Amino acid sequence: MLAVTMGDPVGVGPEVALKSFLSGEVQALHIGDPQVFRRTAEHLGFSVVFQEVSSPEEARQQKENHFLILPTEHKVVQFATAGEIPFGRPHPSQAAATMESIMTACRMAMAGRVDGVVTPPINKAVLHSAGYDVPGHTELLAHCAGVSYPVMMLAGEGLRVVPVTIHQSLRSVAESLHYELLEKTIRITYEALKRDFAINTPRLMVAALNPHAGEKGAFGHEEQEIIEPVCRALSKEWPEGSLMGPLPADTLFHPQARASYDAILCMYHDQALIPIKMLAFGNAVNITLGLPIVRTSVDHGTAYPIAGQGVANATSLQLAMQLARQLADNRLRSHSL
């Protein structure tokens, strides 16, 4: 059974969770304030049978046509008291329940009580305003799992992208890029493709940082000083054709190029995310590699402007749940070999 966190209670997270349930997706245990889901369903006119449980073990004994909720101790007060649900109006008082939902799901997965964690979107600014100093889901789950190097992958429509540096200014990317970071990111991606995606001999492509792969130093030295040495060293460890790069990024995303690799490592956020969102906007899944647990997430944000209107697209969450189930099954099989 998968654990699905509550996400931002006034965003589209609860709505897409309810829609995924009604569509008959993978049965899951939803962790959060029951009133958030009940009031959202009432507001949207969804006919849902809710069942509160005290543990994943109890959840597994329930009927599949019940929306299963493990209540958090922290509540979202506005949903219990307000006559009008405050969709699209975030408040620091909502943060405690959101954080508890994430941490509870992670701890249960670490203990093997759920098969994986799926996360709807959160608003990091709300968490910060409430005093929680966390950059985001990925870093929080990595801390919970005791992992120093979590790696973000987005996958959709046959493309898997991994940004080596993520949420930072473009100016700071070159300074942040170093041998150890790139080597660890490549290794974690390679092992995840084997274990979680069941690809026996992964093919990785590494994009250059600079135009024309630096043009032998004319446009920058990061390729010669960092990327080439890493690729050369790792290529000696793995089968021929497992690792290629650095190559100019502007020629790596057309159909013919995509057919030549299983995943591509990009040097910065937009180099990775622009192609995947051009190709699979709303149909991509965010996966955290390098964790001892399976974790997938939607590829969209809280979407406050449309929250509570019943028009949110649940496809990304549905795909995240399907992929989490697949990754968990692959990981279980790899352990049994």
C-alpha atoms as a PDB file:
ATOM      1  CA  MET A   1       0.000   0.000   0.000  1.00  0.00           C
ATOM      2  CA  LEU A   2       1.181   3.494  -0.840  1.00  0.00           C
ATOM      3  CA  ALA A   3       1.054   6.464   1.519  1.00  0.00           C
ATOM      4  CA  VAL A   4      -0.220   9.684  -0.081  1.00  0.00           C
ATOM      5  CA  THR A   5       0.470  12.866   1.841  1.00  0.00           C
ATOM      6  CA  MET A   6      -2.075  15.664   2.191  1.00  0.00           C
ATOM      7  CA  GLY A   7      -0.123  18.329   0.348  1.00  0.00           C
ATOM      8  CA  ASP A   8      -1.132  21.964   0.691  1.00  0.00           C
ATOM      9  CA  PRO A   9      -4.667  21.837   2.148  1.00  0.00           C
ATOM     10  CA  VAL A  10      -5.877  24.941   0.288  1.00  0.00           C
ATOM     11  CA  GLY A  11      -4.316  24.029  -3.044  1.00  0.00           C
ATOM     12  CA  VAL A  12      -5.403  21.411  -5.563  1.00  0.00           C
ATOM     13  CA  GLY A  13      -3.773  18.504  -3.710  1.00  0.00           C
ATOM     14  CA  PRO A  14      -6.882  17.247  -1.876  1.00  0.00           C
ATOM     15  CA  GLU A  15      -8.974  17.624  -5.039  1.00  0.00           C
ATOM     16  CA  VAL A  16      -6.627  15.585  -7.235  1.00  0.00           C
ATOM     17  CA  ALA A  17      -6.321  12.962  -4.480  1.00  0.00           C
ATOM     18  CA  LEU A  18     -10.097  12.577  -4.446  1.00  0.00           C
ATOM     19  CA  LYS A  19     -10.258  12.455  -8.237  1.00  0.00           C
ATOM     20  CA  SER A  20      -7.534   9.806  -8.348  1.00  0.00           C
ATOM     21  CA  PHE A  21      -9.479   7.713  -5.863  1.00  0.00           C
ATOM     22  CA  LEU A  22     -12.694   8.066  -7.836  1.00  0.00           C
ATOM     23  CA  SER A  23     -10.882   7.040 -11.017  1.00  0.00           C
ATOM     24  CA  GLY A  24      -9.967   3.713  -9.436  1.00  0.00           C
ATOM     25  CA  GLU A  25      -6.222   4.232  -9.175  1.00  0.00           C
ATOM     26  CA  VAL A  26      -3.928   2.277  -6.873  1.00  0.00           C
ATOM     27  CA  GLN A  27      -5.449   1.990  -3.410  1.00  0.00           C
ATOM     28  CA  ALA A  28      -3.618   4.253  -1.000  1.00  0.00           C
ATOM     29  CA  LEU A  29      -3.541   5.455   2.560  1.00  0.00           C
ATOM     30  CA  HIS A  30      -4.024   9.228   2.686  1.00  0.00           C
ATOM     31  CA  ILE A  31      -2.338  10.939   5.621  1.00  0.00           C
ATOM     32  CA  GLY A  32      -3.748  14.267   6.766  1.00  0.00           C
ATOM     33  CA  ASP A  33      -6.588  16.131   8.433  1.00  0.00           C
ATOM     34  CA  PRO A  34      -9.810  14.230   7.596  1.00  0.00           C
ATOM     35  CA  GLN A  35     -11.780  17.483   7.485  1.00  0.00           C
ATOM     36  CA  VAL A  36      -9.681  18.706   4.576  1.00  0.00           C
ATOM     37  CA  PHE A  37     -10.750  15.765   2.438  1.00  0.00           C
ATOM     38  CA  ARG A  38     -14.356  15.664   3.696  1.00  0.00           C
ATOM     39  CA  ARG A  39     -14.992  19.361   3.236  1.00  0.00           C
ATOM     40  CA  THR A  40     -13.301  19.379  -0.175  1.00  0.00           C
ATOM     41  CA  ALA A  41     -15.467  16.461  -1.330  1.00  0.00           C
ATOM     42  CA  GLU A  42     -18.613  18.197  -0.075  1.00  0.00           C
ATOM     43  CA  HIS A  43     -17.642  21.450  -1.764  1.00  0.00           C
ATOM     44  CA  LEU A  44     -16.999  19.731  -5.095  1.00  0.00           C
ATOM     45  CA  GLY A  45     -20.026  17.445  -4.897  1.00  0.00           C
ATOM     46  CA  PHE A  46     -17.995  14.225  -4.893  1.00  0.00           C
ATOM     47  CA  SER A  47     -19.659  11.102  -3.537  1.00  0.00           C
ATOM     48  CA  VAL A  48     -16.952   9.471  -1.444  1.00  0.00           C
ATOM     49  CA  VAL A  49     -17.083   6.969   1.401  1.00  0.00           C
ATOM     50  CA  PHE A  50     -14.410   7.934   3.921  1.00  0.00           C
ATOM     51  CA  GLN A  51     -12.812   5.566   6.411  1.00  0.00           C
ATOM     52  CA  GLU A  52     -10.444   6.709   9.125  1.00  0.00           C
ATOM     53  CA  VAL A  53      -7.839   4.191  10.248  1.00  0.00           C
ATOM     54  CA  SER A  54      -5.146   4.131  12.906  1.00  0.00           C
ATOM     55  CA  SER A  55      -2.398   2.337  10.987  1.00  0.00           C
ATOM     56  CA  PRO A  56      -1.363   1.010   7.564  1.00  0.00           C
ATOM     57  CA  GLU A  57      -2.031  -2.477   8.862  1.00  0.00           C
ATOM     58  CA  GLU A  58      -5.638  -1.563   9.599  1.00  0.00           C
ATOM     59  CA  ALA A  59      -5.922   0.153   6.234  1.00  0.00           C
ATOM     60  CA  ARG A  60      -5.031  -3.046   4.407  1.00  0.00           C
ATOM     61  CA  GLN A  61      -8.086  -4.723   5.937  1.00  0.00           C
ATOM     62  CA  GLN A  62     -10.553  -2.128   4.638  1.00  0.00           C
ATOM     63  CA  LYS A  63     -12.717  -2.247   1.537  1.00  0.00           C
ATOM     64  CA  GLU A  64     -11.209  -0.929  -1.681  1.00  0.00           C
ATOM     65  CA  ASN A  65     -14.146   1.436  -2.264  1.00  0.00           C
ATOM     66  CA  HIS A  66     -13.295   3.460   0.859  1.00  0.00           C
ATOM     67  CA  PHE A  67     -11.104   6.573   0.840  1.00  0.00           C
ATOM     68  CA  LEU A  68      -8.691   5.674   3.632  1.00  0.00           C
ATOM     69  CA  ILE A  69      -7.380   8.406   5.928  1.00  0.00           C
ATOM     70  CA  LEU A  70      -4.805   8.189   8.686  1.00  0.00           C
ATOM     71  CA  PRO A  71      -5.545  11.370  10.685  1.00  0.00           C
ATOM     72  CA  THR A  72      -2.761  13.722  11.665  1.00  0.00           C
ATOM     73  CA  GLU A  73      -2.741  15.064  15.202  1.00  0.00           C
ATOM     74  CA  HIS A  74      -2.417  18.610  13.865  1.00  0.00           C
ATOM     75  CA  LYS A  75      -5.570  19.963  12.258  1.00  0.00           C
ATOM     76  CA  VAL A  76      -6.227  22.646   9.671  1.00  0.00           C
ATOM     77  CA  VAL A  77      -8.454  24.822  11.803  1.00  0.00           C
ATOM     78  CA  GLN A  78     -10.014  26.753   8.925  1.00  0.00           C
ATOM     79  CA  PHE A  79     -11.535  23.611   7.421  1.00  0.00           C
ATOM     80  CA  ALA A  80     -13.250  22.709  10.675  1.00  0.00           C
ATOM     81  CA  THR A  81     -14.618  26.148  11.562  1.00  0.00           C
ATOM     82  CA  ALA A  82     -14.976  28.269   8.444  1.00  0.00           C
ATOM     83  CA  GLY A  83     -18.289  28.440   6.666  1.00  0.00           C
ATOM     84  CA  GLU A  84     -16.397  28.991   3.436  1.00  0.00           C
ATOM     85  CA  ILE A  85     -13.394  26.779   2.727  1.00  0.00           C
ATOM     86  CA  PRO A  86     -10.320  29.029   2.278  1.00  0.00           C
ATOM     87  CA  PHE A  87      -9.163  27.592  -1.045  1.00  0.00           C
ATOM     88  CA  GLY A  88      -6.207  29.481  -2.475  1.00  0.00           C
ATOM     89  CA  ARG A  89      -5.555  31.337   0.792  1.00  0.00           C
ATOM     90  CA  PRO A  90      -2.476  29.813   2.460  1.00  0.00           C
ATOM     91  CA  HIS A  91      -1.766  30.532   6.111  1.00  0.00           C
ATOM     92  CA  PRO A  92       1.082  29.532   8.463  1.00  0.00           C
ATOM     93  CA  SER A  93      -1.399  27.687  10.695  1.00  0.00           C
ATOM     94  CA  GLN A  94      -1.797  25.084   7.925  1.00  0.00           C
ATOM     95  CA  ALA A  95       1.889  24.149   7.983  1.00  0.00           C
ATOM     96  CA  ALA A  96       1.969  21.843  11.006  1.00  0.00           C
ATOM     97  CA  ALA A  97      -0.512  19.354   9.557  1.00  0.00           C
ATOM     98  CA  THR A  98       1.271  19.442   6.209  1.00  0.00           C
ATOM     99  CA  MET A  99       4.634  18.721   7.809  1.00  0.00           C
ATOM    100  CA  GLU A 100       3.240  15.976  10.033  1.00  0.00           C
ATOM    101  CA  SER A 101       1.688  14.294   7.013  1.00  0.00           C
ATOM    102  CA  ILE A 102       5.023  14.171   5.164  1.00  0.00           C
ATOM    103  CA  MET A 103       7.076  13.005   8.126  1.00  0.00           C
ATOM    104  CA  THR A 104       4.549  10.332   9.101  1.00  0.00           C
ATOM    105  CA  ALA A 105       4.523   8.928   5.573  1.00  0.00           C
ATOM    106  CA  CYS A 106       8.331   8.880   5.447  1.00  0.00           C
ATOM    107  CA  ARG A 107       8.699   7.130   8.803  1.00  0.00           C
ATOM    108  CA  MET A 108       6.146   4.501   7.849  1.00  0.00           C
ATOM    109  CA  ALA A 109       7.964   3.846   4.578  1.00  0.00           C
ATOM    110  CA  MET A 110      11.310   3.634   6.386  1.00  0.00           C
ATOM    111  CA  ALA A 111       9.798   1.034   8.711  1.00  0.00           C
ATOM    112  CA  GLY A 112       8.445  -0.955   5.763  1.00  0.00           C
ATOM    113  CA  ARG A 113       4.830  -0.374   6.795  1.00  0.00           C
ATOM    114  CA  VAL A 114       3.941   1.223   3.436  1.00  0.00           C
ATOM    115  CA  ASP A 115       5.460   0.468   0.039  1.00  0.00           C
ATOM    116  CA  GLY A 116       6.209   4.032  -0.970  1.00  0.00           C
ATOM    117  CA  VAL A 117       5.337   7.710  -0.557  1.00  0.00           C
ATOM    118  CA  VAL A 118       3.466   9.861  -3.086  1.00  0.00           C
ATOM    119  CA  THR A 119       3.318  13.600  -2.529  1.00  0.00           C
ATOM    120  CA  PRO A 120       0.865  16.193  -3.868  1.00  0.00           C
ATOM    121  CA  PRO A 121       2.249  19.766  -4.028  1.00  0.00           C
ATOM    122  CA  ILE A 122       3.126  21.956  -1.065  1.00  0.00           C
ATOM    123  CA  ASN A 123       3.903  25.645  -0.685  1.00  0.00           C
ATOM    124  CA  LYS A 124       7.412  26.004   0.713  1.00  0.00           C
ATOM    125  CA  ALA A 125       6.837  29.664   1.590  1.00  0.00           C
ATOM    126  CA  VAL A 126       4.009  28.670   3.951  1.00  0.00           C
ATOM    127  CA  LEU A 127       6.281  26.206   5.727  1.00  0.00           C
ATOM    128  CA  HIS A 128       8.997  28.850   6.015  1.00  0.00           C
ATOM    129  CA  SER A 129       6.536  31.403   7.403  1.00  0.00           C
ATOM    130  CA  ALA A 130       5.586  28.914  10.111  1.00  0.00           C
ATOM    131  CA  GLY A 131       9.210  28.441  11.121  1.00  0.00           C
ATOM    132  CA  TYR A 132      10.041  25.231   9.254  1.00  0.00           C
ATOM    133  CA  ASP A 133      13.452  25.672   7.654  1.00  0.00           C
ATOM    134  CA  VAL A 134      13.156  23.159   4.808  1.00  0.00           C
ATOM    135  CA  PRO A 135      13.958  23.829   1.131  1.00  0.00           C
ATOM    136  CA  GLY A 136      11.271  21.431  -0.062  1.00  0.00           C
ATOM    137  CA  HIS A 137       9.896  17.894  -0.204  1.00  0.00           C
ATOM    138  CA  THR A 138      13.078  16.303  -1.545  1.00  0.00           C
ATOM    139  CA  GLU A 139      15.363  17.711   1.117  1.00  0.00           C
ATOM    140  CA  LEU A 140      12.870  16.982   3.903  1.00  0.00           C
ATOM    141  CA  LEU A 141      12.468  13.355   2.873  1.00  0.00           C
ATOM    142  CA  ALA A 142      16.225  12.982   2.469  1.00  0.00           C
ATOM    143  CA  HIS A 143      16.717  14.282   6.012  1.00  0.00           C
ATOM    144  CA  CYS A 144      14.063  11.896   7.313  1.00  0.00           C
ATOM    145  CA  ALA A 145      15.747   8.989   5.517  1.00  0.00           C
ATOM    146  CA  GLY A 146      19.278   9.987   6.570  1.00  0.00           C
ATOM    147  CA  VAL A 147      20.459  10.601   3.007  1.00  0.00           C
ATOM    148  CA  SER A 148      22.967  13.325   2.094  1.00  0.00           C
ATOM    149  CA  TYR A 149      22.639  13.259  -1.712  1.00  0.00           C
ATOM    150  CA  PRO A 150      19.042  12.978  -2.892  1.00  0.00           C
ATOM    151  CA  VAL A 151      18.682  13.193  -6.666  1.00  0.00           C
ATOM    152  CA  MET A 152      15.643  14.586  -8.482  1.00  0.00           C
ATOM    153  CA  MET A 153      14.383  12.936 -11.648  1.00  0.00           C
ATOM    154  CA  LEU A 154      11.396  13.908 -13.756  1.00  0.00           C
ATOM    155  CA  ALA A 155       9.954  11.318 -16.117  1.00  0.00           C
ATOM    156  CA  GLY A 156       7.246  11.450 -18.737  1.00  0.00           C
ATOM    157  CA  GLU A 157       6.493  10.540 -22.340  1.00  0.00           C
ATOM    158  CA  GLY A 158       9.622   8.395 -22.599  1.00  0.00           C
ATOM    159  CA  LEU A 159      12.024  11.049 -21.281  1.00  0.00           C
ATOM    160  CA  ARG A 160      13.850  10.954 -17.933  1.00  0.00           C
ATOM    161  CA  VAL A 161      15.798  14.054 -16.901  1.00  0.00           C
ATOM    162  CA  VAL A 162      18.023  14.613 -13.871  1.00  0.00           C
ATOM    163  CA  PRO A 163      19.216  18.122 -12.954  1.00  0.00           C
ATOM    164  CA  VAL A 164      22.584  18.021 -11.199  1.00  0.00           C
ATOM    165  CA  THR A 165      22.020  21.428  -9.585  1.00  0.00           C
ATOM    166  CA  ILE A 166      18.444  22.394  -8.785  1.00  0.00           C
ATOM    167  CA  HIS A 167      16.964  25.414  -7.023  1.00  0.00           C
ATOM    168  CA  GLN A 168      19.628  28.078  -7.268  1.00  0.00           C
ATOM    169  CA  SER A 169      20.507  31.038  -9.415  1.00  0.00           C
ATOM    170  CA  LEU A 170      21.974  30.463 -12.847  1.00  0.00           C
ATOM    171  CA  ARG A 171      24.929  32.631 -11.829  1.00  0.00           C
ATOM    172  CA  SER A 172      25.813  30.186  -9.022  1.00  0.00           C
ATOM    173  CA  VAL A 173      25.600  26.961 -11.046  1.00  0.00           C
ATOM    174  CA  ALA A 174      29.176  26.963 -12.345  1.00  0.00           C
ATOM    175  CA  GLU A 175      30.511  27.591  -8.843  1.00  0.00           C
ATOM    176  CA  SER A 176      28.397  24.764  -7.397  1.00  0.00           C
ATOM    177  CA  LEU A 177      29.321  22.197 -10.027  1.00  0.00           C
ATOM    178  CA  HIS A 178      32.197  20.020  -8.837  1.00  0.00           C
ATOM    179  CA  TYR A 179      33.587  16.536  -9.400  1.00  0.00           C
ATOM    180  CA  GLU A 180      32.078  14.860  -6.318  1.00  0.00           C
ATOM    181  CA  LEU A 181      28.576  16.253  -6.911  1.00  0.00           C
ATOM    182  CA  LEU A 182      28.492  15.150 -10.538  1.00  0.00           C
ATOM    183  CA  GLU A 183      30.000  11.733  -9.814  1.00  0.00           C
ATOM    184  CA  LYS A 184      27.512  10.995  -7.024  1.00  0.00           C
ATOM    185  CA  THR A 185      24.571  12.171  -9.129  1.00  0.00           C
ATOM    186  CA  ILE A 186      25.573   9.953 -12.035  1.00  0.00           C
ATOM    187  CA  ARG A 187      26.164   6.932  -9.786  1.00  0.00           C
ATOM    188  CA  ILE A 188      22.844   7.329  -7.967  1.00  0.00           C
ATOM    189  CA  THR A 189      20.991   7.705 -11.274  1.00  0.00           C
ATOM    190  CA  TYR A 190      22.687   4.649 -12.780  1.00  0.00           C
ATOM    191  CA  GLU A 191      21.915   2.442  -9.780  1.00  0.00           C
ATOM    192  CA  ALA A 192      18.310   3.672  -9.595  1.00  0.00           C
ATOM    193  CA  LEU A 193      17.732   2.832 -13.256  1.00  0.00           C
ATOM    194  CA  LYS A 194      18.945  -0.709 -12.566  1.00  0.00           C
ATOM    195  CA  ARG A 195      17.135  -1.292  -9.272  1.00  0.00           C
ATOM    196  CA  ASP A 196      13.967   0.784  -9.513  1.00  0.00           C
ATOM    197  CA  PHE A 197      13.361   0.883 -13.267  1.00  0.00           C
ATOM    198  CA  ALA A 198      14.640  -2.662 -13.920  1.00  0.00           C
ATOM    199  CA  ILE A 199      16.991  -1.567 -16.733  1.00  0.00           C
ATOM    200  CA  ASN A 200      19.843  -4.081 -16.680  1.00  0.00           C
ATOM    201  CA  THR A 201      22.362  -1.927 -18.536  1.00  0.00           C
ATOM    202  CA  PRO A 202      21.338   1.731 -18.294  1.00  0.00           C
ATOM    203  CA  ARG A 203      22.441   4.251 -20.922  1.00  0.00           C
ATOM    204  CA  LEU A 204      23.157   7.693 -19.504  1.00  0.00           C
ATOM    205  CA  MET A 205      23.739  10.890 -21.436  1.00  0.00           C
ATOM    206  CA  VAL A 206      25.456  13.861 -19.795  1.00  0.00           C
ATOM    207  CA  ALA A 207      24.726  17.331 -21.128  1.00  0.00           C
ATOM    208  CA  ALA A 208      27.406  19.997 -21.229  1.00  0.00           C
ATOM    209  CA  LEU A 209      27.053  23.156 -19.181  1.00  0.00           C
ATOM    210  CA  ASN A 210      28.228  25.577 -21.861  1.00  0.00           C
ATOM    211  CA  PRO A 211      27.172  26.062 -25.506  1.00  0.00           C
ATOM    212  CA  HIS A 212      28.852  23.658 -27.933  1.00  0.00           C
ATOM    213  CA  ALA A 213      30.173  21.721 -24.906  1.00  0.00           C
ATOM    214  CA  GLY A 214      32.535  24.608 -24.184  1.00  0.00           C
ATOM    215  CA  GLU A 215      34.184  24.525 -27.636  1.00  0.00           C
ATOM    216  CA  LYS A 216      37.450  23.245 -26.113  1.00  0.00           C
ATOM    217  CA  GLY A 217      37.544  26.041 -23.565  1.00  0.00           C
ATOM    218  CA  ALA A 218      36.406  28.918 -25.775  1.00  0.00           C
ATOM    219  CA  PHE A 219      33.086  29.211 -23.923  1.00  0.00           C
ATOM    220  CA  GLY A 220      34.052  27.844 -20.522  1.00  0.00           C
ATOM    221  CA  HIS A 221      36.256  25.245 -18.874  1.00  0.00           C
ATOM    222  CA  GLU A 222      33.722  23.215 -16.839  1.00  0.00           C
ATOM    223  CA  GLU A 223      33.556  20.499 -19.493  1.00  0.00           C
ATOM    224  CA  GLN A 224      37.340  20.015 -19.584  1.00  0.00           C
ATOM    225  CA  GLU A 225      37.919  20.377 -15.853  1.00  0.00           C
ATOM    226  CA  ILE A 226      34.903  18.590 -14.356  1.00  0.00           C
ATOM    227  CA  ILE A 227      32.447  16.860 -16.666  1.00  0.00           C
ATOM    228  CA  GLU A 228      34.884  15.091 -18.999  1.00  0.00           C
ATOM    229  CA  PRO A 229      37.033  13.669 -16.173  1.00  0.00           C
ATOM    230  CA  VAL A 230      33.993  12.306 -14.342  1.00  0.00           C
ATOM    231  CA  CYS A 231      32.554  10.691 -17.460  1.00  0.00           C
ATOM    232  CA  ARG A 232      35.922   9.243 -18.403  1.00  0.00           C
ATOM    233  CA  ALA A 233      36.456   7.691 -14.952  1.00  0.00           C
ATOM    234  CA  LEU A 234      32.984   6.169 -14.666  1.00  0.00           C
ATOM    235  CA  SER A 235      33.035   4.871 -18.241  1.00  0.00           C
ATOM    236  CA  LYS A 236      35.916   2.600 -17.241  1.00  0.00           C
ATOM    237  CA  GLU A 237      33.724   0.949 -14.565  1.00  0.00           C
ATOM    238  CA  TRP A 238      30.626   0.267 -16.628  1.00  0.00           C
ATOM    239  CA  PRO A 239      29.809  -1.553 -19.891  1.00  0.00           C
ATOM    240  CA  GLU A 240      30.648   0.246 -23.102  1.00  0.00           C
ATOM    241  CA  GLY A 241      27.961   2.748 -24.088  1.00  0.00           C
ATOM    242  CA  SER A 242      26.636   3.171 -20.537  1.00  0.00           C
ATOM    243  CA  LEU A 243      27.791   6.779 -20.214  1.00  0.00           C
ATOM    244  CA  MET A 244      28.168   9.403 -22.922  1.00  0.00           C
ATOM    245  CA  GLY A 245      29.116  13.057 -22.562  1.00  0.00           C
ATOM    246  CA  PRO A 246      29.527  15.876 -22.160  1.00  0.00           C
ATOM    247  CA  LEU A 247      27.543  16.713 -25.277  1.00  0.00           C
ATOM    248  CA  PRO A 248      25.906  19.983 -26.408  1.00  0.00           C
ATOM    249  CA  ALA A 249      22.494  20.204 -24.774  1.00  0.00           C
ATOM    250  CA  ASP A 250      20.782  21.792 -27.781  1.00  0.00           C
ATOM    251  CA  THR A 251      20.943  18.526 -29.764  1.00  0.00           C
ATOM    252  CA  LEU A 252      20.009  16.035 -27.038  1.00  0.00           C
ATOM    253  CA  PHE A 253      16.226  16.266 -26.851  1.00  0.00           C
ATOM    254  CA  HIS A 254      14.908  15.579 -30.348  1.00  0.00           C
ATOM    255  CA  PRO A 255      13.266  12.134 -30.871  1.00  0.00           C
ATOM    256  CA  GLN A 256      16.297  10.446 -32.420  1.00  0.00           C
ATOM    257  CA  ALA A 257      18.574  11.601 -29.608  1.00  0.00           C
ATOM    258  CA  ARG A 258      16.106  10.570 -26.889  1.00  0.00           C
ATOM    259  CA  ALA A 259      16.024   7.040 -28.297  1.00  0.00           C
ATOM    260  CA  SER A 260      19.739   6.672 -27.554  1.00  0.00           C
ATOM    261  CA  TYR A 261      19.565   6.982 -23.757  1.00  0.00           C
ATOM    262  CA  ASP A 262      17.500   5.955 -20.724  1.00  0.00           C
ATOM    263  CA  ALA A 263      18.117   9.162 -18.795  1.00  0.00           C
ATOM    264  CA  ILE A 264      19.921  12.429 -19.313  1.00  0.00           C
ATOM    265  CA  LEU A 265      21.802  14.409 -16.682  1.00  0.00           C
ATOM    266  CA  CYS A 266      21.558  18.168 -17.071  1.00  0.00           C
ATOM    267  CA  MET A 267      23.721  20.728 -15.344  1.00  0.00           C
ATOM    268  CA  TYR A 268      20.974  23.066 -14.127  1.00  0.00           C
ATOM    269  CA  HIS A 269      17.247  23.232 -13.438  1.00  0.00           C
ATOM    270  CA  ASP A 270      15.843  24.727 -16.628  1.00  0.00           C
ATOM    271  CA  GLN A 271      18.155  22.733 -18.890  1.00  0.00           C
ATOM    272  CA  ALA A 272      16.307  19.652 -17.609  1.00  0.00           C
ATOM    273  CA  LEU A 273      12.815  20.913 -16.890  1.00  0.00           C
ATOM    274  CA  ILE A 274      12.073  22.926 -20.011  1.00  0.00           C
ATOM    275  CA  PRO A 275      12.358  19.871 -22.297  1.00  0.00           C
ATOM    276  CA  ILE A 276      10.338  17.572 -20.020  1.00  0.00           C
ATOM    277  CA  LYS A 277       7.578  20.146 -19.595  1.00  0.00           C
ATOM    278  CA  MET A 278       7.483  20.879 -23.296  1.00  0.00           C
ATOM    279  CA  LEU A 279       7.067  17.179 -23.952  1.00  0.00           C
ATOM    280  CA  ALA A 280       4.974  15.997 -20.986  1.00  0.00           C
ATOM    281  CA  PHE A 281       3.443  18.976 -19.189  1.00  0.00           C
ATOM    282  CA  GLY A 282       0.881  17.643 -16.726  1.00  0.00           C
ATOM    283  CA  ASN A 283       1.871  14.071 -17.542  1.00  0.00           C
ATOM    284  CA  ALA A 284       5.265  13.906 -15.848  1.00  0.00           C
ATOM    285  CA  VAL A 285       6.243  12.453 -12.490  1.00  0.00           C
ATOM    286  CA  ASN A 286       8.866  13.683 -10.045  1.00  0.00           C
ATOM    287  CA  ILE A 287      10.945  10.857  -8.531  1.00  0.00           C
ATOM    288  CA  THR A 288      13.500  11.157  -5.750  1.00  0.00           C
ATOM    289  CA  LEU A 289      16.445   8.835  -6.401  1.00  0.00           C
ATOM    290  CA  GLY A 290      18.957   7.699  -3.827  1.00  0.00           C
ATOM    291  CA  LEU A 291      16.474   7.190  -0.995  1.00  0.00           C
ATOM    292  CA  PRO A 292      15.979   3.887   0.844  1.00  0.00           C
ATOM    293  CA  ILE A 293      12.254   4.381   0.166  1.00  0.00           C
ATOM    294  CA  VAL A 294      10.224   4.897  -3.003  1.00  0.00           C
ATOM    295  CA  ARG A 295       9.022   8.461  -3.428  1.00  0.00           C
ATOM    296  CA  THR A 296       7.185  10.002  -6.354  1.00  0.00           C
ATOM    297  CA  SER A 297       5.405  13.312  -6.717  1.00  0.00           C
ATOM    298  CA  VAL A 298       3.313  15.381  -9.089  1.00  0.00           C
ATOM    299  CA  ASP A 299       5.071  17.711 -11.523  1.00  0.00           C
ATOM    300  CA  HIS A 300       2.883  20.739 -10.727  1.00  0.00           C
ATOM    301  CA  GLY A 301       2.382  23.206  -7.915  1.00  0.00           C
ATOM    302  CA  THR A 302      -0.470  24.119  -5.595  1.00  0.00           C
ATOM    303  CA  ALA A 303      -2.390  25.948  -8.375  1.00  0.00           C
ATOM    304  CA  TYR A 304      -4.130  28.306  -5.951  1.00  0.00           C
ATOM    305  CA  PRO A 305      -6.029  30.225  -8.677  1.00  0.00           C
ATOM    306  CA  ILE A 306      -8.063  27.111  -9.581  1.00  0.00           C
ATOM    307  CA  ALA A 307      -8.215  25.446  -6.168  1.00  0.00           C
ATOM    308  CA  GLY A 308     -11.744  24.486  -5.165  1.00  0.00           C
ATOM    309  CA  GLN A 309     -13.160  24.945  -8.669  1.00  0.00           C
ATOM    310  CA  GLY A 310     -13.227  21.258  -9.572  1.00  0.00           C
ATOM    311  CA  VAL A 311     -11.127  21.753 -12.718  1.00  0.00           C
ATOM    312  CA  ALA A 312      -7.729  20.496 -11.490  1.00  0.00           C
ATOM    313  CA  ASN A 313      -6.208  17.745 -13.615  1.00  0.00           C
ATOM    314  CA  ALA A 314      -5.402  14.629 -11.584  1.00  0.00           C
ATOM    315  CA  THR A 315      -3.317  12.928 -14.291  1.00  0.00           C
ATOM    316  CA  SER A 316       0.069  13.699 -12.748  1.00  0.00           C
ATOM    317  CA  LEU A 317      -0.946  12.281  -9.364  1.00  0.00           C
ATOM    318  CA  GLN A 318      -2.438   9.208 -10.995  1.00  0.00           C
ATOM    319  CA  LEU A 319       0.780   8.622 -12.929  1.00  0.00           C
ATOM    320  CA  ALA A 320       2.828   9.234  -9.765  1.00  0.00           C
ATOM    321  CA  MET A 321       0.840   6.567  -7.950  1.00  0.00           C
ATOM    322  CA  GLN A 322       1.165   4.097 -10.820  1.00  0.00           C
ATOM    323  CA  LEU A 323       4.905   4.681 -11.082  1.00  0.00           C
ATOM    324  CA  ALA A 324       5.408   4.407  -7.311  1.00  0.00           C
ATOM    325  CA  ARG A 325       3.686   1.031  -7.376  1.00  0.00           C
ATOM    326  CA  GLN A 326       5.867  -0.091 -10.290  1.00  0.00           C
ATOM    327  CA  LEU A 327       9.091   1.122  -8.649  1.00  0.00           C
ATOM    328  CA  ALA A 328       8.181  -0.579  -5.369  1.00  0.00           C
ATOM    329  CA  ASP A 329       7.520  -3.862  -7.176  1.00  0.00           C
ATOM    330  CA  ASN A 330      10.802  -3.588  -9.121  1.00  0.00           C
ATOM    331  CA  ARG A 331      12.725  -2.844  -5.945  1.00  0.00           C
ATOM    332  CA  LEU A 332      11.164  -5.829  -4.196  1.00  0.00           C
ATOM    333  CA  ARG A 333      12.128  -8.108  -7.084  1.00  0.00           C
ATOM    334  CA  SER A 334      15.698  -6.771  -7.109  1.00  0.00           C
ATOM    335  CA  HIS A 335      16.014  -7.581  -3.413  1.00  0.00           C
ATOM    336  CA  SER A 336      14.812 -11.135  -3.965  1.00  0.00           C
ATOM    337  CA  LEU A 337      17.427 -11.887  -6.664  1.00  0.00           C
END
